[in-house]
Amino acid sequence: MQLLILGLIAIGLFALEEFVFTASRYFWVGGIVPILWTLFLAYLVVMNAANLDVRDYTLAIIAVIIPYVCWGNGYQRGVNRRAKR
């Protein structure tokens, strides 16, 4: 159940990252959420390290990589949109 809740939060954050936070012309604004998300996941992994298995670590790694990809995609979309103007 906790993994499901964490997954739903992650999907919401990824959507916000892709379409809202990267709409700024400043590159660093979109990076705030991925950095906070990475710190939050690192905290969860450290606090629950004894109870985690390989699947949990794999999901944590994927959950860290995806926001940075969304950040880059959203920023590039904004650059392309501004270049068309």
PDB file of N, CA and C in Angstrom:
ATOM      1  N   MET A   1       0.823  -1.193   0.000  1.00  0.00           N
ATOM      2  CA  MET A   1       0.000   0.000   0.000  1.00  0.00           C
ATOM      3  C   MET A   1       0.868   1.257   0.000  1.00  0.00           C
ATOM      4  N   GLN A   2       1.959   1.250   0.771  1.00  0.00           N
ATOM      5  CA  GLN A   2       2.827   2.423   0.805  1.00  0.00           C
ATOM      6  C   GLN A   2       3.475   2.661  -0.548  1.00  0.00           C
ATOM      7  N   LEU A   3       3.811   1.589  -1.256  1.00  0.00           N
ATOM      8  CA  LEU A   3       4.409   1.720  -2.576  1.00  0.00           C
ATOM      9  C   LEU A   3       3.407   2.325  -3.554  1.00  0.00           C
ATOM     10  N   LEU A   4       2.143   1.955  -3.433  1.00  0.00           N
ATOM     11  CA  LEU A   4       1.103   2.519  -4.286  1.00  0.00           C
ATOM     12  C   LEU A   4       0.945   4.014  -4.030  1.00  0.00           C
ATOM     13  N   ILE A   5       0.920   4.411  -2.783  1.00  0.00           N
ATOM     14  CA  ILE A   5       0.807   5.832  -2.437  1.00  0.00           C
ATOM     15  C   ILE A   5       2.020   6.597  -2.943  1.00  0.00           C
ATOM     16  N   LEU A   6       3.194   6.045  -2.747  1.00  0.00           N
ATOM     17  CA  LEU A   6       4.415   6.684  -3.233  1.00  0.00           C
ATOM     18  C   LEU A   6       4.392   6.804  -4.758  1.00  0.00           C
ATOM     19  N   GLY A   7       3.899   5.785  -5.431  1.00  0.00           N
ATOM     20  CA  GLY A   7       3.787   5.819  -6.887  1.00  0.00           C
ATOM     21  C   GLY A   7       2.820   6.883  -7.368  1.00  0.00           C
ATOM     22  N   LEU A   8       1.685   7.026  -6.692  1.00  0.00           N
ATOM     23  CA  LEU A   8       0.718   8.060  -7.070  1.00  0.00           C
ATOM     24  C   LEU A   8       1.286   9.458  -6.851  1.00  0.00           C
ATOM     25  N   ILE A   9       1.994   9.643  -5.760  1.00  0.00           N
ATOM     26  CA  ILE A   9       2.650  10.934  -5.511  1.00  0.00           C
ATOM     27  C   ILE A   9       3.680  11.205  -6.600  1.00  0.00           C
ATOM     28  N   ALA A  10       4.432  10.183  -6.959  1.00  0.00           N
ATOM     29  CA  ALA A  10       5.460  10.345  -7.995  1.00  0.00           C
ATOM     30  C   ALA A  10       4.840  10.720  -9.333  1.00  0.00           C
ATOM     31  N   ILE A  11       3.756  10.071  -9.715  1.00  0.00           N
ATOM     32  CA  ILE A  11       3.096  10.389 -10.986  1.00  0.00           C
ATOM     33  C   ILE A  11       2.602  11.827 -10.984  1.00  0.00           C
ATOM     34  N   GLY A  12       2.022  12.262  -9.874  1.00  0.00           N
ATOM     35  CA  GLY A  12       1.579  13.653  -9.769  1.00  0.00           C
ATOM     36  C   GLY A  12       2.736  14.632  -9.882  1.00  0.00           C
ATOM     37  N   LEU A  13       3.831  14.337  -9.199  1.00  0.00           N
ATOM     38  CA  LEU A  13       5.003  15.217  -9.274  1.00  0.00           C
ATOM     39  C   LEU A  13       5.608  15.241 -10.670  1.00  0.00           C
ATOM     40  N   PHE A  14       5.628  14.095 -11.333  1.00  0.00           N
ATOM     41  CA  PHE A  14       6.197  14.041 -12.680  1.00  0.00           C
ATOM     42  C   PHE A  14       5.358  14.868 -13.644  1.00  0.00           C
ATOM     43  N   ALA A  15       4.024  14.780 -13.510  1.00  0.00           N
ATOM     44  CA  ALA A  15       3.149  15.575 -14.379  1.00  0.00           C
ATOM     45  C   ALA A  15       3.339  17.064 -14.107  1.00  0.00           C
ATOM     46  N   LEU A  16       3.401  17.443 -12.840  1.00  0.00           N
ATOM     47  CA  LEU A  16       3.647  18.850 -12.506  1.00  0.00           C
ATOM     48  C   LEU A  16       4.993  19.311 -13.040  1.00  0.00           C
ATOM     49  N   GLU A  17       5.988  18.478 -12.910  1.00  0.00           N
ATOM     50  CA  GLU A  17       7.330  18.827 -13.376  1.00  0.00           C
ATOM     51  C   GLU A  17       7.335  19.043 -14.881  1.00  0.00           C
ATOM     52  N   GLU A  18       6.688  18.141 -15.594  1.00  0.00           N
ATOM     53  CA  GLU A  18       6.707  18.190 -17.060  1.00  0.00           C
ATOM     54  C   GLU A  18       5.959  19.409 -17.604  1.00  0.00           C
ATOM     55  N   PHE A  19       4.826  19.764 -16.993  1.00  0.00           N
ATOM     56  CA  PHE A  19       3.958  20.773 -17.594  1.00  0.00           C
ATOM     57  C   PHE A  19       3.882  22.098 -16.843  1.00  0.00           C
ATOM     58  N   VAL A  20       4.260  22.144 -15.578  1.00  0.00           N
ATOM     59  CA  VAL A  20       4.108  23.382 -14.804  1.00  0.00           C
ATOM     60  C   VAL A  20       5.453  23.982 -14.419  1.00  0.00           C
ATOM     61  N   PHE A  21       6.270  23.223 -13.709  1.00  0.00           N
ATOM     62  CA  PHE A  21       7.505  23.783 -13.158  1.00  0.00           C
ATOM     63  C   PHE A  21       8.524  24.151 -14.226  1.00  0.00           C
ATOM     64  N   THR A  22       8.500  23.468 -15.360  1.00  0.00           N
ATOM     65  CA  THR A  22       9.468  23.770 -16.410  1.00  0.00           C
ATOM     66  C   THR A  22       8.983  24.853 -17.358  1.00  0.00           C
ATOM     67  N   ALA A  23       7.816  25.440 -17.094  1.00  0.00           N
ATOM     68  CA  ALA A  23       7.299  26.510 -17.951  1.00  0.00           C
ATOM     69  C   ALA A  23       8.077  27.808 -17.754  1.00  0.00           C
ATOM     70  N   SER A  24       8.856  27.893 -16.717  1.00  0.00           N
ATOM     71  CA  SER A  24       9.662  29.084 -16.457  1.00  0.00           C
ATOM     72  C   SER A  24      10.820  29.150 -17.438  1.00  0.00           C
ATOM     73  N   ARG A  25      11.220  30.358 -17.760  1.00  0.00           N
ATOM     74  CA  ARG A  25      12.367  30.498 -18.659  1.00  0.00           C
ATOM     75  C   ARG A  25      13.680  30.252 -17.930  1.00  0.00           C
ATOM     76  N   TYR A  26      13.626  30.186 -16.610  1.00  0.00           N
ATOM     77  CA  TYR A  26      14.819  29.916 -15.815  1.00  0.00           C
ATOM     78  C   TYR A  26      14.978  28.407 -15.636  1.00  0.00           C
ATOM     79  N   PHE A  27      16.125  27.906 -16.029  1.00  0.00           N
ATOM     80  CA  PHE A  27      16.386  26.465 -16.026  1.00  0.00           C
ATOM     81  C   PHE A  27      16.313  25.868 -14.629  1.00  0.00           C
ATOM     82  N   TRP A  28      16.794  26.574 -13.626  1.00  0.00           N
ATOM     83  CA  TRP A  28      16.915  26.024 -12.277  1.00  0.00           C
ATOM     84  C   TRP A  28      15.576  25.858 -11.575  1.00  0.00           C
ATOM     85  N   VAL A  29      14.539  26.597 -11.987  1.00  0.00           N
ATOM     86  CA  VAL A  29      13.239  26.508 -11.304  1.00  0.00           C
ATOM     87  C   VAL A  29      12.678  25.091 -11.397  1.00  0.00           C
ATOM     88  N   GLY A  30      12.801  24.477 -12.566  1.00  0.00           N
ATOM     89  CA  GLY A  30      12.306  23.117 -12.735  1.00  0.00           C
ATOM     90  C   GLY A  30      13.118  22.084 -11.982  1.00  0.00           C
ATOM     91  N   GLY A  31      14.297  22.434 -11.532  1.00  0.00           N
ATOM     92  CA  GLY A  31      15.153  21.486 -10.831  1.00  0.00           C
ATOM     93  C   GLY A  31      14.896  21.378  -9.346  1.00  0.00           C
ATOM     94  N   ILE A  32      14.092  22.268  -8.807  1.00  0.00           N
ATOM     95  CA  ILE A  32      13.841  22.255  -7.368  1.00  0.00           C
ATOM     96  C   ILE A  32      13.120  20.977  -6.950  1.00  0.00           C
ATOM     97  N   VAL A  33      12.057  20.619  -7.656  1.00  0.00           N
ATOM     98  CA  VAL A  33      11.279  19.433  -7.283  1.00  0.00           C
ATOM     99  C   VAL A  33      12.084  18.142  -7.440  1.00  0.00           C
ATOM    100  N   PRO A  34      12.821  17.928  -8.546  1.00  0.00           N
ATOM    101  CA  PRO A  34      13.614  16.696  -8.615  1.00  0.00           C
ATOM    102  C   PRO A  34      14.647  16.576  -7.495  1.00  0.00           C
ATOM    103  N   ILE A  35      15.247  17.683  -7.113  1.00  0.00           N
ATOM    104  CA  ILE A  35      16.237  17.635  -6.032  1.00  0.00           C
ATOM    105  C   ILE A  35      15.562  17.295  -4.706  1.00  0.00           C
ATOM    106  N   LEU A  36      14.427  17.938  -4.426  1.00  0.00           N
ATOM    107  CA  LEU A  36      13.698  17.626  -3.190  1.00  0.00           C
ATOM    108  C   LEU A  36      13.196  16.182  -3.203  1.00  0.00           C
ATOM    109  N   TRP A  37      12.727  15.719  -4.352  1.00  0.00           N
ATOM    110  CA  TRP A  37      12.253  14.344  -4.489  1.00  0.00           C
ATOM    111  C   TRP A  37      13.389  13.355  -4.239  1.00  0.00           C
ATOM    112  N   THR A  38      14.570  13.646  -4.775  1.00  0.00           N
ATOM    113  CA  THR A  38      15.734  12.785  -4.573  1.00  0.00           C
ATOM    114  C   THR A  38      16.115  12.728  -3.099  1.00  0.00           C
ATOM    115  N   LEU A  39      16.108  13.874  -2.440  1.00  0.00           N
ATOM    116  CA  LEU A  39      16.417  13.904  -1.004  1.00  0.00           C
ATOM    117  C   LEU A  39      15.388  13.116  -0.201  1.00  0.00           C
ATOM    118  N   PHE A  40      14.109  13.262  -0.554  1.00  0.00           N
ATOM    119  CA  PHE A  40      13.048  12.535   0.137  1.00  0.00           C
ATOM    120  C   PHE A  40      13.213  11.024  -0.040  1.00  0.00           C
ATOM    121  N   LEU A  41      13.471  10.589  -1.276  1.00  0.00           N
ATOM    122  CA  LEU A  41      13.668   9.157  -1.516  1.00  0.00           C
ATOM    123  C   LEU A  41      14.916   8.635  -0.815  1.00  0.00           C
ATOM    124  N   ALA A  42      15.978   9.432  -0.796  1.00  0.00           N
ATOM    125  CA  ALA A  42      17.195   9.019  -0.087  1.00  0.00           C
ATOM    126  C   ALA A  42      16.904   8.838   1.398  1.00  0.00           C
ATOM    127  N   TYR A  43      16.139   9.746   1.966  1.00  0.00           N
ATOM    128  CA  TYR A  43      15.748   9.632   3.373  1.00  0.00           C
ATOM    129  C   TYR A  43      14.959   8.339   3.604  1.00  0.00           C
ATOM    130  N   LEU A  44      13.975   8.064   2.731  1.00  0.00           N
ATOM    131  CA  LEU A  44      13.181   6.841   2.886  1.00  0.00           C
ATOM    132  C   LEU A  44      14.041   5.586   2.771  1.00  0.00           C
ATOM    133  N   VAL A  45      14.968   5.579   1.839  1.00  0.00           N
ATOM    134  CA  VAL A  45      15.832   4.406   1.657  1.00  0.00           C
ATOM    135  C   VAL A  45      16.724   4.210   2.878  1.00  0.00           C
ATOM    136  N   VAL A  46      17.303   5.276   3.385  1.00  0.00           N
ATOM    137  CA  VAL A  46      18.189   5.156   4.549  1.00  0.00           C
ATOM    138  C   VAL A  46      17.414   4.691   5.778  1.00  0.00           C
ATOM    139  N   MET A  47      16.226   5.230   5.973  1.00  0.00           N
ATOM    140  CA  MET A  47      15.452   4.875   7.161  1.00  0.00           C
ATOM    141  C   MET A  47      14.887   3.451   7.090  1.00  0.00           C
ATOM    142  N   ASN A  48      14.667   2.945   5.876  1.00  0.00           N
ATOM    143  CA  ASN A  48      14.062   1.620   5.721  1.00  0.00           C
ATOM    144  C   ASN A  48      15.004   0.621   5.060  1.00  0.00           C
ATOM    145  N   ALA A  49      16.294   0.847   5.116  1.00  0.00           N
ATOM    146  CA  ALA A  49      17.263   0.014   4.395  1.00  0.00           C
ATOM    147  C   ALA A  49      17.190  -1.457   4.805  1.00  0.00           C
ATOM    148  N   ALA A  50      16.905  -1.734   6.049  1.00  0.00           N
ATOM    149  CA  ALA A  50      16.873  -3.126   6.515  1.00  0.00           C
ATOM    150  C   ALA A  50      15.690  -3.893   5.929  1.00  0.00           C
ATOM    151  N   ASN A  51      14.633  -3.194   5.561  1.00  0.00           N
ATOM    152  CA  ASN A  51      13.422  -3.853   5.074  1.00  0.00           C
ATOM    153  C   ASN A  51      13.302  -3.869   3.554  1.00  0.00           C
ATOM    154  N   LEU A  52      14.246  -3.290   2.846  1.00  0.00           N
ATOM    155  CA  LEU A  52      14.139  -3.174   1.395  1.00  0.00           C
ATOM    156  C   LEU A  52      14.805  -4.349   0.696  1.00  0.00           C
ATOM    157  N   ASP A  53      14.264  -4.694  -0.464  1.00  0.00           N
ATOM    158  CA  ASP A  53      14.885  -5.729  -1.287  1.00  0.00           C
ATOM    159  C   ASP A  53      15.319  -5.115  -2.619  1.00  0.00           C
ATOM    160  N   VAL A  54      15.779  -5.947  -3.532  1.00  0.00           N
ATOM    161  CA  VAL A  54      16.318  -5.468  -4.808  1.00  0.00           C
ATOM    162  C   VAL A  54      15.257  -4.705  -5.599  1.00  0.00           C
ATOM    163  N   ARG A  55      14.030  -5.182  -5.582  1.00  0.00           N
ATOM    164  CA  ARG A  55      12.943  -4.516  -6.307  1.00  0.00           C
ATOM    165  C   ARG A  55      12.737  -3.095  -5.799  1.00  0.00           C
ATOM    166  N   ASP A  56      12.779  -2.912  -4.489  1.00  0.00           N
ATOM    167  CA  ASP A  56      12.597  -1.582  -3.913  1.00  0.00           C
ATOM    168  C   ASP A  56      13.726  -0.637  -4.315  1.00  0.00           C
ATOM    169  N   TYR A  57      14.942  -1.138  -4.301  1.00  0.00           N
ATOM    170  CA  TYR A  57      16.073  -0.304  -4.714  1.00  0.00           C
ATOM    171  C   TYR A  57      15.973   0.060  -6.195  1.00  0.00           C
ATOM    172  N   THR A  58      15.550  -0.900  -7.014  1.00  0.00           N
ATOM    173  CA  THR A  58      15.382  -0.630  -8.447  1.00  0.00           C
ATOM    174  C   THR A  58      14.323   0.438  -8.673  1.00  0.00           C
ATOM    175  N   LEU A  59      13.198   0.325  -7.986  1.00  0.00           N
ATOM    176  CA  LEU A  59      12.142   1.334  -8.115  1.00  0.00           C
ATOM    177  C   LEU A  59      12.614   2.696  -7.624  1.00  0.00           C
ATOM    178  N   ALA A  60      13.401   2.719  -6.578  1.00  0.00           N
ATOM    179  CA  ALA A  60      13.923   3.994  -6.075  1.00  0.00           C
ATOM    180  C   ALA A  60      14.856   4.641  -7.097  1.00  0.00           C
ATOM    181  N   ILE A  61      15.686   3.842  -7.740  1.00  0.00           N
ATOM    182  CA  ILE A  61      16.597   4.383  -8.759  1.00  0.00           C
ATOM    183  C   ILE A  61      15.804   4.941  -9.936  1.00  0.00           C
ATOM    184  N   ILE A  62      14.797   4.201 -10.379  1.00  0.00           N
ATOM    185  CA  ILE A  62      13.955   4.682 -11.477  1.00  0.00           C
ATOM    186  C   ILE A  62      13.222   5.952 -11.066  1.00  0.00           C
ATOM    187  N   ALA A  63      12.728   5.983  -9.830  1.00  0.00           N
ATOM    188  CA  ALA A  63      12.002   7.156  -9.344  1.00  0.00           C
ATOM    189  C   ALA A  63      12.902   8.372  -9.196  1.00  0.00           C
ATOM    190  N   VAL A  64      14.196   8.173  -9.090  1.00  0.00           N
ATOM    191  CA  VAL A  64      15.131   9.304  -9.043  1.00  0.00           C
ATOM    192  C   VAL A  64      15.444   9.791 -10.456  1.00  0.00           C
ATOM    193  N   ILE A  65      15.563   8.891 -11.403  1.00  0.00           N
ATOM    194  CA  ILE A  65      15.950   9.267 -12.766  1.00  0.00           C
ATOM    195  C   ILE A  65      14.821   9.981 -13.507  1.00  0.00           C
ATOM    196  N   ILE A  66      13.594   9.507 -13.379  1.00  0.00           N
ATOM    197  CA  ILE A  66      12.477  10.031 -14.171  1.00  0.00           C
ATOM    198  C   ILE A  66      12.242  11.530 -13.987  1.00  0.00           C
ATOM    199  N   PRO A  67      12.273  12.094 -12.778  1.00  0.00           N
ATOM    200  CA  PRO A  67      12.025  13.540 -12.677  1.00  0.00           C
ATOM    201  C   PRO A  67      13.066  14.383 -13.409  1.00  0.00           C
ATOM    202  N   TYR A  68      14.302  13.913 -13.432  1.00  0.00           N
ATOM    203  CA  TYR A  68      15.330  14.669 -14.149  1.00  0.00           C
ATOM    204  C   TYR A  68      15.095  14.609 -15.658  1.00  0.00           C
ATOM    205  N   VAL A  69      14.611  13.475 -16.146  1.00  0.00           N
ATOM    206  CA  VAL A  69      14.262  13.364 -17.563  1.00  0.00           C
ATOM    207  C   VAL A  69      13.084  14.285 -17.883  1.00  0.00           C
ATOM    208  N   CYS A  70      12.066  14.292 -17.018  1.00  0.00           N
ATOM    209  CA  CYS A  70      10.921  15.187 -17.220  1.00  0.00           C
ATOM    210  C   CYS A  70      11.357  16.641 -17.183  1.00  0.00           C
ATOM    211  N   TRP A  71      12.259  16.967 -16.305  1.00  0.00           N
ATOM    212  CA  TRP A  71      12.781  18.332 -16.213  1.00  0.00           C
ATOM    213  C   TRP A  71      13.443  18.730 -17.527  1.00  0.00           C
ATOM    214  N   GLY A  72      14.279  17.877 -18.041  1.00  0.00           N
ATOM    215  CA  GLY A  72      14.953  18.165 -19.308  1.00  0.00           C
ATOM    216  C   GLY A  72      13.982  18.269 -20.472  1.00  0.00           C
ATOM    217  N   ASN A  73      13.006  17.358 -20.534  1.00  0.00           N
ATOM    218  CA  ASN A  73      12.017  17.404 -21.611  1.00  0.00           C
ATOM    219  C   ASN A  73      11.185  18.676 -21.552  1.00  0.00           C
ATOM    220  N   GLY A  74      10.735  19.020 -20.373  1.00  0.00           N
ATOM    221  CA  GLY A  74       9.923  20.227 -20.220  1.00  0.00           C
ATOM    222  C   GLY A  74      10.707  21.479 -20.538  1.00  0.00           C
ATOM    223  N   TYR A  75      11.942  21.528 -20.109  1.00  0.00           N
ATOM    224  CA  TYR A  75      12.766  22.701 -20.395  1.00  0.00           C
ATOM    225  C   TYR A  75      13.021  22.816 -21.894  1.00  0.00           C
ATOM    226  N   GLN A  76      13.305  21.699 -22.543  1.00  0.00           N
ATOM    227  CA  GLN A  76      13.549  21.734 -23.992  1.00  0.00           C
ATOM    228  C   GLN A  76      12.293  22.154 -24.743  1.00  0.00           C
ATOM    229  N   ARG A  77      11.129  21.706 -24.304  1.00  0.00           N
ATOM    230  CA  ARG A  77       9.878  22.127 -24.920  1.00  0.00           C
ATOM    231  C   ARG A  77       9.689  23.632 -24.779  1.00  0.00           C
ATOM    232  N   GLY A  78      10.036  24.176 -23.624  1.00  0.00           N
ATOM    233  CA  GLY A  78       9.950  25.620 -23.420  1.00  0.00           C
ATOM    234  C   GLY A  78      10.915  26.384 -24.303  1.00  0.00           C
ATOM    235  N   VAL A  79      12.122  25.872 -24.457  1.00  0.00           N
ATOM    236  CA  VAL A  79      13.114  26.513 -25.333  1.00  0.00           C
ATOM    237  C   VAL A  79      12.610  26.514 -26.771  1.00  0.00           C
ATOM    238  N   ASN A  80      12.066  25.394 -27.213  1.00  0.00           N
ATOM    239  CA  ASN A  80      11.539  25.312 -28.575  1.00  0.00           C
ATOM    240  C   ASN A  80      10.369  26.272 -28.778  1.00  0.00           C
ATOM    241  N   ARG A  81       9.515  26.390 -27.783  1.00  0.00           N
ATOM    242  CA  ARG A  81       8.361  27.290 -27.873  1.00  0.00           C
ATOM    243  C   ARG A  81       8.819  28.739 -27.941  1.00  0.00           C
ATOM    244  N   ARG A  82       9.820  29.094 -27.127  1.00  0.00           N
ATOM    245  CA  ARG A  82      10.328  30.472 -27.159  1.00  0.00           C
ATOM    246  C   ARG A  82      11.069  30.766 -28.458  1.00  0.00           C
ATOM    247  N   ALA A  83      11.696  29.766 -29.046  1.00  0.00           N
ATOM    248  CA  ALA A  83      12.424  29.963 -30.303  1.00  0.00           C
ATOM    249  C   ALA A  83      11.462  30.213 -31.463  1.00  0.00           C
ATOM    250  N   LYS A  84      10.255  29.664 -31.386  1.00  0.00           N
ATOM    251  CA  LYS A  84       9.267  29.868 -32.445  1.00  0.00           C
ATOM    252  C   LYS A  84       8.698  31.281 -32.442  1.00  0.00           C
ATOM    253  N   ARG A  85       8.780  31.963 -31.321  1.00  0.00           N
ATOM    254  CA  ARG A  85       8.211  33.318 -31.230  1.00  0.00           C
ATOM    255  C   ARG A  85       9.016  34.311 -31.962  1.00  0.00           C
TER     256      ARG A  85
END
